[in-house]
Every structure is written in C-alpha cells, then in structure tokens.
N, C-alpha and C. Protein backbone atom coordinates (compact mmCIF):
# COMPACT_ATOMS: atom_id res chain seq x y z
N UNK A 1 -31.82 38.70 109.80
CA UNK A 1 -30.64 37.87 109.61
C UNK A 1 -30.95 36.40 109.86
N UNK A 2 -31.86 36.13 110.80
CA UNK A 2 -32.22 34.75 111.10
C UNK A 2 -32.74 34.00 109.87
N UNK A 3 -33.64 34.60 109.02
CA UNK A 3 -34.12 33.87 107.86
C UNK A 3 -33.00 33.47 106.91
N UNK A 4 -31.99 34.36 106.76
CA UNK A 4 -30.88 34.02 105.86
C UNK A 4 -30.08 32.84 106.39
N UNK A 5 -29.81 32.84 107.71
CA UNK A 5 -29.06 31.76 108.32
C UNK A 5 -29.85 30.45 108.19
N UNK A 6 -31.17 30.53 108.41
CA UNK A 6 -32.03 29.35 108.26
C UNK A 6 -31.99 28.83 106.83
N UNK A 7 -32.04 29.74 105.86
CA UNK A 7 -32.01 29.35 104.45
C UNK A 7 -30.70 28.66 104.09
N UNK A 8 -29.61 29.19 104.61
CA UNK A 8 -28.30 28.58 104.32
C UNK A 8 -28.23 27.20 104.93
N UNK A 9 -28.68 27.07 106.19
CA UNK A 9 -28.65 25.76 106.84
C UNK A 9 -29.55 24.77 106.10
N UNK A 10 -30.71 25.22 105.68
CA UNK A 10 -31.64 24.36 104.94
C UNK A 10 -31.01 23.92 103.62
N UNK A 11 -30.37 24.85 102.95
CA UNK A 11 -29.71 24.55 101.68
C UNK A 11 -28.59 23.53 101.89
N UNK A 12 -27.76 23.75 102.94
CA UNK A 12 -26.67 22.82 103.24
C UNK A 12 -27.22 21.43 103.55
N UNK A 13 -28.28 21.37 104.36
CA UNK A 13 -28.88 20.08 104.71
C UNK A 13 -29.41 19.39 103.45
N UNK A 14 -30.03 20.17 102.57
CA UNK A 14 -30.55 19.61 101.32
C UNK A 14 -29.44 19.06 100.45
N UNK A 15 -28.34 19.79 100.37
CA UNK A 15 -27.19 19.34 99.58
C UNK A 15 -26.62 18.06 100.18
N UNK A 16 -26.50 18.04 101.52
CA UNK A 16 -25.96 16.86 102.19
C UNK A 16 -26.84 15.64 101.91
N UNK A 17 -28.14 15.81 102.01
CA UNK A 17 -29.07 14.71 101.74
C UNK A 17 -28.95 14.26 100.28
N UNK A 18 -28.86 15.23 99.36
CA UNK A 18 -28.73 14.89 97.94
C UNK A 18 -27.44 14.11 97.68
N UNK A 19 -26.33 14.53 98.33
CA UNK A 19 -25.06 13.82 98.16
C UNK A 19 -25.17 12.40 98.70
N UNK A 20 -25.80 12.24 99.87
CA UNK A 20 -25.98 10.90 100.42
C UNK A 20 -26.83 10.02 99.51
N UNK A 21 -27.91 10.59 98.98
CA UNK A 21 -28.77 9.84 98.08
C UNK A 21 -28.03 9.44 96.81
N UNK A 22 -27.28 10.37 96.25
CA UNK A 22 -26.52 10.06 95.04
C UNK A 22 -25.47 9.00 95.31
N UNK A 23 -24.82 9.08 96.47
CA UNK A 23 -23.82 8.07 96.83
C UNK A 23 -24.47 6.71 96.96
N UNK A 24 -25.62 6.69 97.63
CA UNK A 24 -26.32 5.41 97.79
C UNK A 24 -26.73 4.86 96.43
N UNK A 25 -27.22 5.73 95.57
CA UNK A 25 -27.61 5.28 94.23
C UNK A 25 -26.40 4.80 93.47
N UNK A 26 -25.27 5.48 93.62
CA UNK A 26 -24.04 5.06 92.94
C UNK A 26 -23.60 3.69 93.40
N UNK A 27 -23.67 3.43 94.71
CA UNK A 27 -23.29 2.11 95.23
C UNK A 27 -24.21 1.04 94.67
N UNK A 28 -25.50 1.33 94.65
CA UNK A 28 -26.46 0.37 94.13
C UNK A 28 -26.20 0.09 92.66
N UNK A 29 -25.92 1.15 91.90
CA UNK A 29 -25.65 0.97 90.47
C UNK A 29 -24.38 0.16 90.26
N UNK A 30 -23.37 0.36 91.13
CA UNK A 30 -22.13 -0.39 90.98
C UNK A 30 -22.36 -1.87 91.18
N UNK A 31 -23.15 -2.23 92.17
CA UNK A 31 -23.41 -3.63 92.45
C UNK A 31 -24.15 -4.29 91.28
N UNK A 32 -25.08 -3.57 90.69
CA UNK A 32 -25.89 -4.12 89.62
C UNK A 32 -25.32 -3.86 88.22
N UNK A 33 -24.17 -3.17 88.16
CA UNK A 33 -23.61 -2.78 86.87
C UNK A 33 -23.28 -4.01 86.03
N UNK A 34 -23.28 -3.85 84.69
CA UNK A 34 -22.88 -4.95 83.83
C UNK A 34 -21.45 -5.39 84.12
N UNK A 35 -20.99 -6.36 83.40
CA UNK A 35 -19.74 -7.03 83.70
C UNK A 35 -18.50 -6.21 83.41
N UNK A 36 -18.60 -5.17 82.55
CA UNK A 36 -17.44 -4.37 82.21
C UNK A 36 -16.81 -3.83 83.49
N UNK A 37 -15.50 -3.96 83.60
CA UNK A 37 -14.79 -3.39 84.74
C UNK A 37 -14.78 -4.28 85.97
N UNK A 38 -15.42 -5.46 85.94
CA UNK A 38 -15.40 -6.35 87.09
C UNK A 38 -14.00 -6.84 87.38
N UNK A 39 -13.26 -7.17 86.33
CA UNK A 39 -11.89 -7.64 86.48
C UNK A 39 -11.04 -6.99 85.39
N UNK A 40 -9.75 -7.06 85.60
CA UNK A 40 -8.83 -6.45 84.63
C UNK A 40 -8.85 -7.22 83.31
N UNK A 41 -8.55 -6.48 82.24
CA UNK A 41 -8.45 -7.09 80.91
C UNK A 41 -7.08 -7.77 80.81
N UNK A 42 -7.04 -9.05 81.11
CA UNK A 42 -5.75 -9.75 81.09
C UNK A 42 -5.65 -10.78 79.98
N UNK A 43 -6.77 -11.05 79.30
CA UNK A 43 -6.74 -11.99 78.18
C UNK A 43 -6.46 -11.20 76.90
N UNK A 44 -5.50 -11.66 76.13
CA UNK A 44 -5.13 -11.00 74.88
C UNK A 44 -5.90 -11.65 73.73
N UNK A 45 -6.70 -10.86 73.02
CA UNK A 45 -7.50 -11.38 71.91
C UNK A 45 -7.00 -10.84 70.58
N UNK A 46 -7.07 -11.68 69.56
CA UNK A 46 -6.66 -11.31 68.20
C UNK A 46 -7.57 -11.98 67.18
N UNK A 47 -7.47 -11.50 65.94
CA UNK A 47 -8.10 -12.16 64.81
C UNK A 47 -7.15 -12.07 63.63
N UNK A 48 -7.06 -13.15 62.87
CA UNK A 48 -6.24 -13.12 61.66
C UNK A 48 -6.98 -12.39 60.53
N UNK A 49 -8.26 -12.05 60.75
CA UNK A 49 -9.06 -11.38 59.72
C UNK A 49 -8.98 -9.85 59.82
N UNK A 50 -8.67 -9.31 60.99
CA UNK A 50 -8.61 -7.86 61.17
C UNK A 50 -7.78 -7.53 62.41
N UNK A 51 -7.26 -6.32 62.43
CA UNK A 51 -6.54 -5.80 63.60
C UNK A 51 -7.53 -5.12 64.53
N UNK A 52 -7.19 -5.07 65.80
CA UNK A 52 -8.04 -4.39 66.77
C UNK A 52 -8.28 -2.94 66.32
N UNK A 53 -9.53 -2.53 66.28
CA UNK A 53 -9.88 -1.16 65.92
C UNK A 53 -10.03 -0.90 64.43
N UNK A 54 -9.85 -1.93 63.60
CA UNK A 54 -9.97 -1.74 62.15
C UNK A 54 -11.27 -2.37 61.66
N UNK A 55 -11.55 -2.17 60.37
CA UNK A 55 -12.79 -2.67 59.77
C UNK A 55 -12.79 -4.20 59.68
N UNK A 56 -13.93 -4.78 60.02
CA UNK A 56 -14.11 -6.22 59.87
C UNK A 56 -14.37 -6.50 58.39
N UNK A 57 -13.76 -7.53 57.83
CA UNK A 57 -13.98 -7.82 56.41
C UNK A 57 -15.45 -8.10 56.09
N UNK A 58 -15.85 -7.70 54.91
CA UNK A 58 -17.24 -7.82 54.45
C UNK A 58 -17.78 -9.25 54.54
N UNK A 59 -16.93 -10.26 54.37
CA UNK A 59 -17.36 -11.65 54.40
C UNK A 59 -17.98 -12.01 55.75
N UNK A 60 -17.64 -11.26 56.79
CA UNK A 60 -18.14 -11.53 58.13
C UNK A 60 -19.38 -10.69 58.46
N UNK A 61 -20.00 -10.08 57.44
CA UNK A 61 -21.15 -9.21 57.64
C UNK A 61 -22.37 -9.72 56.88
N UNK A 62 -23.51 -9.07 57.12
CA UNK A 62 -24.75 -9.46 56.42
C UNK A 62 -24.71 -9.07 54.95
N UNK A 63 -23.71 -8.30 54.54
CA UNK A 63 -23.58 -7.91 53.13
C UNK A 63 -22.87 -8.97 52.30
N UNK A 64 -22.45 -10.05 52.95
CA UNK A 64 -21.74 -11.12 52.24
C UNK A 64 -22.15 -12.47 52.84
N UNK A 65 -21.19 -13.30 53.20
CA UNK A 65 -21.49 -14.66 53.69
C UNK A 65 -21.95 -14.70 55.14
N UNK A 66 -21.72 -13.63 55.90
CA UNK A 66 -22.16 -13.55 57.29
C UNK A 66 -21.60 -14.70 58.14
N UNK A 67 -20.31 -15.00 57.96
CA UNK A 67 -19.66 -16.05 58.74
C UNK A 67 -18.84 -15.41 59.86
N UNK A 68 -18.74 -16.09 60.96
CA UNK A 68 -17.97 -15.56 62.09
C UNK A 68 -16.49 -15.49 61.73
N UNK A 69 -15.80 -14.48 62.26
CA UNK A 69 -14.37 -14.37 61.98
C UNK A 69 -13.56 -15.32 62.86
N UNK A 70 -12.35 -15.66 62.42
CA UNK A 70 -11.48 -16.46 63.28
C UNK A 70 -11.00 -15.59 64.44
N UNK A 71 -10.97 -16.16 65.63
CA UNK A 71 -10.50 -15.46 66.82
C UNK A 71 -9.47 -16.32 67.52
N UNK A 72 -8.53 -15.70 68.19
CA UNK A 72 -7.58 -16.44 69.02
C UNK A 72 -7.32 -15.62 70.27
N UNK A 73 -6.87 -16.31 71.32
CA UNK A 73 -6.59 -15.62 72.58
C UNK A 73 -5.53 -16.35 73.38
N UNK A 74 -4.96 -15.61 74.33
CA UNK A 74 -3.99 -16.16 75.27
C UNK A 74 -4.16 -15.43 76.60
N UNK A 75 -3.60 -16.01 77.65
CA UNK A 75 -3.68 -15.37 78.96
C UNK A 75 -4.84 -15.82 79.80
N UNK A 76 -5.46 -16.96 79.47
CA UNK A 76 -6.54 -17.50 80.29
C UNK A 76 -5.91 -18.01 81.59
N UNK A 77 -6.38 -17.55 82.75
CA UNK A 77 -5.72 -17.91 84.01
C UNK A 77 -5.99 -19.34 84.45
N UNK A 78 -5.10 -19.86 85.28
CA UNK A 78 -5.30 -21.18 85.89
C UNK A 78 -6.56 -21.11 86.74
N UNK A 79 -7.25 -22.21 86.84
CA UNK A 79 -8.48 -22.24 87.62
C UNK A 79 -9.72 -21.97 86.78
N UNK A 80 -9.51 -21.59 85.51
CA UNK A 80 -10.66 -21.34 84.62
C UNK A 80 -11.37 -22.66 84.35
N UNK A 81 -12.69 -22.65 84.51
CA UNK A 81 -13.50 -23.85 84.27
C UNK A 81 -14.25 -23.79 82.94
N UNK A 82 -14.49 -22.58 82.44
CA UNK A 82 -15.14 -22.43 81.14
C UNK A 82 -14.90 -21.02 80.63
N UNK A 83 -15.17 -20.84 79.33
CA UNK A 83 -15.04 -19.54 78.68
C UNK A 83 -16.39 -19.15 78.08
N UNK A 84 -16.62 -17.86 78.00
CA UNK A 84 -17.84 -17.34 77.36
C UNK A 84 -17.47 -16.15 76.49
N UNK A 85 -18.22 -15.95 75.41
CA UNK A 85 -17.94 -14.85 74.48
C UNK A 85 -19.24 -14.13 74.15
N UNK A 86 -19.16 -12.81 74.15
CA UNK A 86 -20.28 -11.96 73.73
C UNK A 86 -19.76 -11.01 72.68
N UNK A 87 -20.49 -10.89 71.57
CA UNK A 87 -20.18 -9.87 70.56
C UNK A 87 -21.38 -8.95 70.49
N UNK A 88 -21.13 -7.64 70.66
CA UNK A 88 -22.25 -6.71 70.56
C UNK A 88 -21.82 -5.38 69.96
N UNK A 89 -22.82 -4.59 69.59
CA UNK A 89 -22.64 -3.29 68.93
C UNK A 89 -23.32 -2.22 69.79
N UNK A 90 -22.54 -1.41 70.53
CA UNK A 90 -23.14 -0.38 71.37
C UNK A 90 -23.63 0.84 70.59
N UNK A 91 -23.35 0.88 69.30
CA UNK A 91 -23.71 2.05 68.48
C UNK A 91 -25.02 1.88 67.71
N UNK A 92 -25.71 0.78 67.92
CA UNK A 92 -26.97 0.54 67.21
C UNK A 92 -28.01 1.58 67.63
N UNK A 93 -28.87 2.01 66.70
CA UNK A 93 -29.85 3.05 67.01
C UNK A 93 -30.83 2.67 68.12
N UNK A 94 -31.09 1.38 68.29
CA UNK A 94 -32.05 0.94 69.31
C UNK A 94 -31.39 0.61 70.64
N UNK A 95 -30.10 0.88 70.76
CA UNK A 95 -29.34 0.48 71.94
C UNK A 95 -28.41 -0.66 71.57
N UNK A 96 -27.68 -1.17 72.54
CA UNK A 96 -26.69 -2.22 72.25
C UNK A 96 -27.37 -3.42 71.58
N UNK A 97 -26.81 -3.82 70.44
CA UNK A 97 -27.35 -4.93 69.65
C UNK A 97 -26.41 -6.12 69.80
N UNK A 98 -26.97 -7.25 70.18
CA UNK A 98 -26.18 -8.46 70.43
C UNK A 98 -26.06 -9.28 69.15
N UNK A 99 -24.82 -9.60 68.78
CA UNK A 99 -24.55 -10.35 67.56
C UNK A 99 -24.17 -11.80 67.80
N UNK A 100 -23.65 -12.11 69.00
CA UNK A 100 -23.20 -13.47 69.22
C UNK A 100 -23.10 -13.72 70.71
N UNK A 101 -23.56 -14.89 71.14
CA UNK A 101 -23.46 -15.32 72.53
C UNK A 101 -23.04 -16.79 72.49
N UNK A 102 -21.92 -17.10 73.13
CA UNK A 102 -21.44 -18.49 73.17
C UNK A 102 -20.81 -18.73 74.54
N UNK A 103 -21.09 -19.88 75.12
CA UNK A 103 -20.66 -20.14 76.51
C UNK A 103 -20.37 -21.62 76.72
N UNK A 104 -19.87 -21.91 77.93
CA UNK A 104 -19.42 -23.26 78.28
C UNK A 104 -18.40 -23.79 77.29
N UNK A 105 -17.53 -22.88 76.83
CA UNK A 105 -16.41 -23.30 75.99
C UNK A 105 -15.32 -23.88 76.89
N UNK A 106 -14.60 -24.91 76.45
CA UNK A 106 -13.54 -25.50 77.28
C UNK A 106 -12.46 -24.47 77.62
N UNK A 107 -11.93 -24.51 78.84
CA UNK A 107 -10.90 -23.56 79.23
C UNK A 107 -9.60 -23.74 78.46
N UNK A 108 -9.42 -24.89 77.83
CA UNK A 108 -8.21 -25.16 77.05
C UNK A 108 -8.30 -24.60 75.64
N UNK A 109 -9.48 -24.14 75.24
CA UNK A 109 -9.67 -23.59 73.90
C UNK A 109 -8.86 -22.30 73.77
N UNK A 110 -8.13 -22.15 72.67
CA UNK A 110 -7.32 -20.95 72.47
C UNK A 110 -7.81 -20.11 71.30
N UNK A 111 -8.99 -20.44 70.78
CA UNK A 111 -9.54 -19.65 69.69
C UNK A 111 -10.74 -20.32 69.06
N UNK A 112 -11.33 -19.61 68.11
CA UNK A 112 -12.47 -20.11 67.35
C UNK A 112 -12.12 -20.04 65.87
N UNK A 113 -12.48 -21.05 65.10
CA UNK A 113 -12.20 -21.00 63.67
C UNK A 113 -13.17 -20.07 62.97
N UNK A 114 -12.85 -19.72 61.74
CA UNK A 114 -13.80 -18.97 60.93
C UNK A 114 -15.03 -19.83 60.68
N UNK A 115 -16.20 -19.19 60.61
CA UNK A 115 -17.45 -19.84 60.25
C UNK A 115 -17.86 -20.93 61.24
N UNK A 116 -17.96 -20.53 62.52
CA UNK A 116 -18.48 -21.46 63.53
C UNK A 116 -19.91 -21.82 63.13
N UNK A 117 -20.20 -23.09 63.17
CA UNK A 117 -21.53 -23.60 62.82
C UNK A 117 -22.62 -22.88 63.62
N UNK A 118 -23.72 -22.53 62.98
CA UNK A 118 -24.81 -21.80 63.64
C UNK A 118 -25.83 -22.79 64.18
N UNK A 119 -25.40 -23.53 65.19
CA UNK A 119 -26.28 -24.51 65.83
C UNK A 119 -26.18 -24.35 67.34
N UNK A 120 -27.17 -24.83 68.09
CA UNK A 120 -27.18 -24.62 69.53
C UNK A 120 -25.95 -25.18 70.24
N UNK A 121 -25.49 -26.36 69.85
CA UNK A 121 -24.30 -26.96 70.44
C UNK A 121 -23.30 -27.25 69.33
N UNK A 122 -22.05 -26.84 69.55
CA UNK A 122 -21.00 -27.07 68.56
C UNK A 122 -19.94 -27.93 69.22
N UNK A 123 -19.75 -29.14 68.71
CA UNK A 123 -18.80 -30.09 69.30
C UNK A 123 -17.42 -29.48 69.44
N UNK A 124 -16.83 -29.63 70.61
CA UNK A 124 -15.49 -29.13 70.87
C UNK A 124 -15.41 -27.64 71.09
N UNK A 125 -16.52 -26.94 70.93
CA UNK A 125 -16.51 -25.48 71.08
C UNK A 125 -17.40 -25.01 72.23
N UNK A 126 -18.68 -25.32 72.20
CA UNK A 126 -19.54 -24.89 73.29
C UNK A 126 -20.99 -24.76 72.89
N UNK A 127 -21.72 -24.03 73.71
CA UNK A 127 -23.15 -23.82 73.53
C UNK A 127 -23.40 -22.40 73.08
N UNK A 128 -24.30 -22.23 72.10
CA UNK A 128 -24.55 -20.89 71.57
C UNK A 128 -25.91 -20.37 72.03
N UNK A 129 -25.93 -19.07 72.25
CA UNK A 129 -27.14 -18.40 72.66
C UNK A 129 -27.83 -17.73 71.49
N UNK A 130 -28.87 -16.99 71.82
CA UNK A 130 -29.68 -16.29 70.83
C UNK A 130 -29.21 -14.84 70.71
N UNK A 131 -29.00 -14.40 69.46
CA UNK A 131 -28.60 -13.01 69.23
C UNK A 131 -29.85 -12.14 69.04
N UNK A 132 -29.64 -10.85 68.82
CA UNK A 132 -30.79 -9.95 68.67
C UNK A 132 -31.46 -10.03 67.31
N UNK A 133 -30.94 -10.88 66.41
CA UNK A 133 -31.64 -11.20 65.17
C UNK A 133 -32.63 -12.34 65.44
N UNK A 134 -32.66 -12.79 66.70
CA UNK A 134 -33.50 -13.90 67.15
C UNK A 134 -33.11 -15.22 66.52
N UNK A 135 -31.78 -15.36 66.31
CA UNK A 135 -31.23 -16.60 65.77
C UNK A 135 -30.12 -17.08 66.69
N UNK A 136 -29.90 -18.37 66.68
CA UNK A 136 -28.80 -18.96 67.44
C UNK A 136 -27.51 -18.83 66.64
N UNK A 137 -26.43 -18.49 67.32
CA UNK A 137 -25.12 -18.39 66.68
C UNK A 137 -24.79 -16.97 66.26
N UNK A 138 -23.82 -16.88 65.38
CA UNK A 138 -23.28 -15.59 64.94
C UNK A 138 -24.21 -14.89 63.96
N UNK A 139 -24.38 -13.60 64.17
CA UNK A 139 -25.06 -12.72 63.22
C UNK A 139 -24.16 -11.52 63.01
N UNK A 140 -23.61 -11.38 61.84
CA UNK A 140 -22.59 -10.36 61.59
C UNK A 140 -23.10 -8.94 61.56
N UNK A 141 -22.16 -7.99 61.50
CA UNK A 141 -22.52 -6.58 61.41
C UNK A 141 -23.48 -6.32 60.26
N UNK A 142 -24.49 -5.49 60.54
CA UNK A 142 -25.52 -5.17 59.55
C UNK A 142 -26.10 -3.79 59.90
N UNK A 143 -25.23 -2.77 60.05
CA UNK A 143 -25.72 -1.48 60.53
C UNK A 143 -26.49 -0.71 59.46
N UNK A 144 -27.30 0.26 59.89
CA UNK A 144 -27.93 1.13 58.90
C UNK A 144 -26.86 2.01 58.25
N UNK A 145 -27.13 2.57 57.08
CA UNK A 145 -26.14 3.45 56.44
C UNK A 145 -25.81 4.62 57.36
N UNK A 146 -24.56 5.04 57.30
CA UNK A 146 -24.13 6.18 58.12
C UNK A 146 -22.76 5.96 58.71
N UNK A 147 -22.59 6.42 59.93
CA UNK A 147 -21.30 6.32 60.61
C UNK A 147 -20.91 4.87 60.86
N UNK A 148 -19.61 4.60 60.99
CA UNK A 148 -19.17 3.24 61.33
C UNK A 148 -19.68 2.85 62.73
N UNK A 149 -20.00 1.60 62.88
CA UNK A 149 -20.36 1.06 64.19
C UNK A 149 -19.18 0.27 64.73
N UNK A 150 -19.12 0.16 66.05
CA UNK A 150 -18.07 -0.63 66.71
C UNK A 150 -18.66 -1.97 67.15
N UNK A 151 -17.89 -3.03 66.95
CA UNK A 151 -18.31 -4.37 67.30
C UNK A 151 -17.29 -4.94 68.28
N UNK A 152 -17.74 -5.23 69.50
CA UNK A 152 -16.86 -5.71 70.56
C UNK A 152 -17.02 -7.21 70.73
N UNK A 153 -15.91 -7.92 70.65
CA UNK A 153 -15.84 -9.34 70.96
C UNK A 153 -15.26 -9.41 72.37
N UNK A 154 -16.05 -9.86 73.34
CA UNK A 154 -15.63 -9.88 74.74
C UNK A 154 -15.56 -11.31 75.23
N UNK A 155 -14.38 -11.72 75.69
CA UNK A 155 -14.17 -13.08 76.17
C UNK A 155 -14.04 -13.06 77.69
N UNK A 156 -14.69 -14.00 78.35
CA UNK A 156 -14.67 -14.10 79.80
C UNK A 156 -14.17 -15.47 80.23
N UNK A 157 -13.20 -15.49 81.16
CA UNK A 157 -12.73 -16.72 81.79
C UNK A 157 -13.51 -16.86 83.10
N UNK A 158 -14.17 -18.00 83.28
CA UNK A 158 -15.06 -18.20 84.42
C UNK A 158 -14.56 -19.31 85.34
N UNK A 159 -14.89 -19.19 86.61
CA UNK A 159 -14.48 -20.20 87.58
C UNK A 159 -15.50 -21.34 87.71
N UNK A 160 -16.43 -21.42 86.77
CA UNK A 160 -17.48 -22.44 86.83
C UNK A 160 -17.96 -22.77 85.42
N UNK A 161 -18.62 -23.92 85.31
CA UNK A 161 -19.39 -24.26 84.11
C UNK A 161 -20.78 -23.70 84.33
N UNK A 162 -21.35 -23.01 83.38
CA UNK A 162 -22.65 -22.37 83.57
C UNK A 162 -23.81 -23.32 83.36
N UNK A 163 -23.67 -24.25 82.44
CA UNK A 163 -24.72 -25.23 82.14
C UNK A 163 -26.06 -24.56 81.82
N UNK A 164 -26.00 -23.41 81.15
CA UNK A 164 -27.23 -22.78 80.66
C UNK A 164 -27.74 -23.58 79.48
N UNK A 165 -29.04 -23.59 79.29
CA UNK A 165 -29.62 -24.26 78.14
C UNK A 165 -29.19 -23.54 76.87
N UNK A 166 -29.14 -24.22 75.73
CA UNK A 166 -28.86 -23.55 74.46
C UNK A 166 -29.87 -22.45 74.21
N UNK A 167 -29.42 -21.39 73.55
CA UNK A 167 -30.32 -20.30 73.19
C UNK A 167 -30.42 -19.20 74.24
N UNK A 168 -29.60 -19.22 75.28
CA UNK A 168 -29.66 -18.18 76.31
C UNK A 168 -29.34 -16.82 75.69
N UNK A 169 -29.91 -15.78 76.26
CA UNK A 169 -29.67 -14.41 75.79
C UNK A 169 -28.43 -13.85 76.48
N UNK A 170 -27.97 -12.71 75.98
CA UNK A 170 -26.85 -12.02 76.62
C UNK A 170 -27.18 -11.71 78.07
N UNK A 171 -28.38 -11.23 78.33
CA UNK A 171 -28.77 -10.87 79.71
C UNK A 171 -28.73 -12.09 80.62
N UNK A 172 -29.20 -13.23 80.13
CA UNK A 172 -29.18 -14.45 80.93
C UNK A 172 -27.74 -14.91 81.18
N UNK A 173 -26.90 -14.79 80.16
CA UNK A 173 -25.50 -15.16 80.32
C UNK A 173 -24.81 -14.24 81.32
N UNK A 174 -25.01 -12.94 81.19
CA UNK A 174 -24.37 -12.00 82.11
C UNK A 174 -24.81 -12.26 83.55
N UNK A 175 -26.07 -12.55 83.75
CA UNK A 175 -26.57 -12.83 85.10
C UNK A 175 -25.89 -14.08 85.66
N UNK A 176 -25.77 -15.12 84.85
CA UNK A 176 -25.13 -16.37 85.28
C UNK A 176 -23.64 -16.18 85.55
N UNK A 177 -22.98 -15.29 84.80
CA UNK A 177 -21.54 -15.09 84.95
C UNK A 177 -21.18 -14.22 86.14
N UNK A 178 -22.10 -13.38 86.59
CA UNK A 178 -21.78 -12.42 87.63
C UNK A 178 -21.19 -13.10 88.87
N UNK A 179 -20.04 -12.61 89.29
CA UNK A 179 -19.36 -13.18 90.45
C UNK A 179 -18.46 -14.35 90.12
N UNK A 180 -18.40 -14.76 88.84
CA UNK A 180 -17.60 -15.92 88.45
C UNK A 180 -16.48 -15.57 87.46
N UNK A 181 -16.29 -14.29 87.17
CA UNK A 181 -15.31 -13.89 86.15
C UNK A 181 -13.91 -13.78 86.76
N UNK A 182 -12.99 -14.57 86.23
CA UNK A 182 -11.60 -14.54 86.67
C UNK A 182 -10.77 -13.55 85.86
N UNK A 183 -11.08 -13.44 84.58
CA UNK A 183 -10.33 -12.55 83.68
C UNK A 183 -11.17 -12.31 82.45
N UNK A 184 -10.83 -11.27 81.71
CA UNK A 184 -11.55 -10.99 80.47
C UNK A 184 -10.62 -10.36 79.45
N UNK A 185 -11.06 -10.38 78.21
CA UNK A 185 -10.32 -9.77 77.12
C UNK A 185 -11.30 -9.20 76.11
N UNK A 186 -10.79 -8.35 75.24
CA UNK A 186 -11.68 -7.67 74.30
C UNK A 186 -10.96 -7.37 73.00
N UNK A 187 -11.71 -7.48 71.92
CA UNK A 187 -11.23 -7.14 70.59
C UNK A 187 -12.34 -6.35 69.92
N UNK A 188 -11.98 -5.27 69.23
CA UNK A 188 -13.00 -4.42 68.62
C UNK A 188 -12.75 -4.26 67.13
N UNK A 189 -13.84 -4.34 66.37
CA UNK A 189 -13.78 -4.11 64.93
C UNK A 189 -14.85 -3.08 64.58
N UNK A 190 -14.72 -2.48 63.42
CA UNK A 190 -15.72 -1.50 62.97
C UNK A 190 -16.32 -1.97 61.64
N UNK A 191 -17.49 -1.42 61.32
CA UNK A 191 -18.08 -1.67 60.00
C UNK A 191 -19.03 -0.55 59.67
N UNK A 192 -19.04 -0.17 58.40
CA UNK A 192 -19.88 0.94 57.91
C UNK A 192 -20.53 0.53 56.62
N UNK A 193 -21.79 0.94 56.43
CA UNK A 193 -22.49 0.66 55.17
C UNK A 193 -22.85 1.98 54.52
C-alpha cells in the first residue's frame, strides 16, 4: 500500500509543480504579450469605402491602384499626445503580414484621406514605417488565391510622442507604444483573390 500512496503523492506534487510553472509562464506571457487587450476598444473607426467586416474595394489592393482607403475615427480621449495606426493580415500563410505602419499622428486628427502619400513623412499626418513588402507607407491586400483574408486597421491613442525615425517596423512601433496606450480602436475588412 505504501508504494501506491507514494505514487499518488508524487503525482500530486508533479501536478502542483506543473500548475505553478504554467502559471508563471502565463504571467510572463501576459507581460510580454502584444498590445491587443491592453486597453478597452473605445475609439470608433469607420471607412467610407467599406463597412466593418466587409470586403475592401479592389482599388485599395495590389490588383488595382493599391491606394490606402479613407479612414475616420472618434472617441480619442483627452490627454492623447499622438496617434498610431497598424494595418495587418493575421491570415497570411507566413504569419501576420504588416501592410501599414504610421505614427506620431496629431491627436486632433480625426481621419486619413484616401491615397495617403507613400513617403516617410506626410505633412499634417505623421511618420510612416516600413511594411512587410519592405516599402514605406501603405501596401494593400495581396493574398494568395483561396479563402478571404482579414485586414485589421488598429488605431492607438498614446500619452506621448514616440519620435521614432521614419521607416520603423511594426515590432519597433509596438515596443515604443507599450505602456503608453490610452485607448484603441479597430476596423476590419476582408479580401479574396
């Protein structure tokens, strides 16, 4: 009977240690987790080109003019010092594909016009980063043939100016934003080829 009792105690101790390790790993992952879920989605985002969850028009893709869509937003909180925007595709075969990175936008800005200039600095708008096409500015949906992909436009209200150099990557922007997000908003479009 003693070996069985020893086995049960050993098993319980092993489970307890595994639970503690998993909890510790979970806490570590939470601290290092990307920006999603850091703050509530309180900024309302829209586009006059498409409704949330619907197909993005072809003109905004690599199959046509590849120009950025018009975006507008409301609900930026007081105390915001700058805005940042990331557009990415989590359904890409190689992992999340970054289509647009723009930051140090004025907090008074309430939207972006169609066809934002593809240059490192855009007067009155902000500084643009490098997308996964290895170009500065907007790079529209260009998925492989198959299922529709989702494209998320994520806007962040920040309590600081980031002053990142032009051409920063999404990872560099996210690192700089961590701990400075006051509010965020999101708009999603789809595209299929």
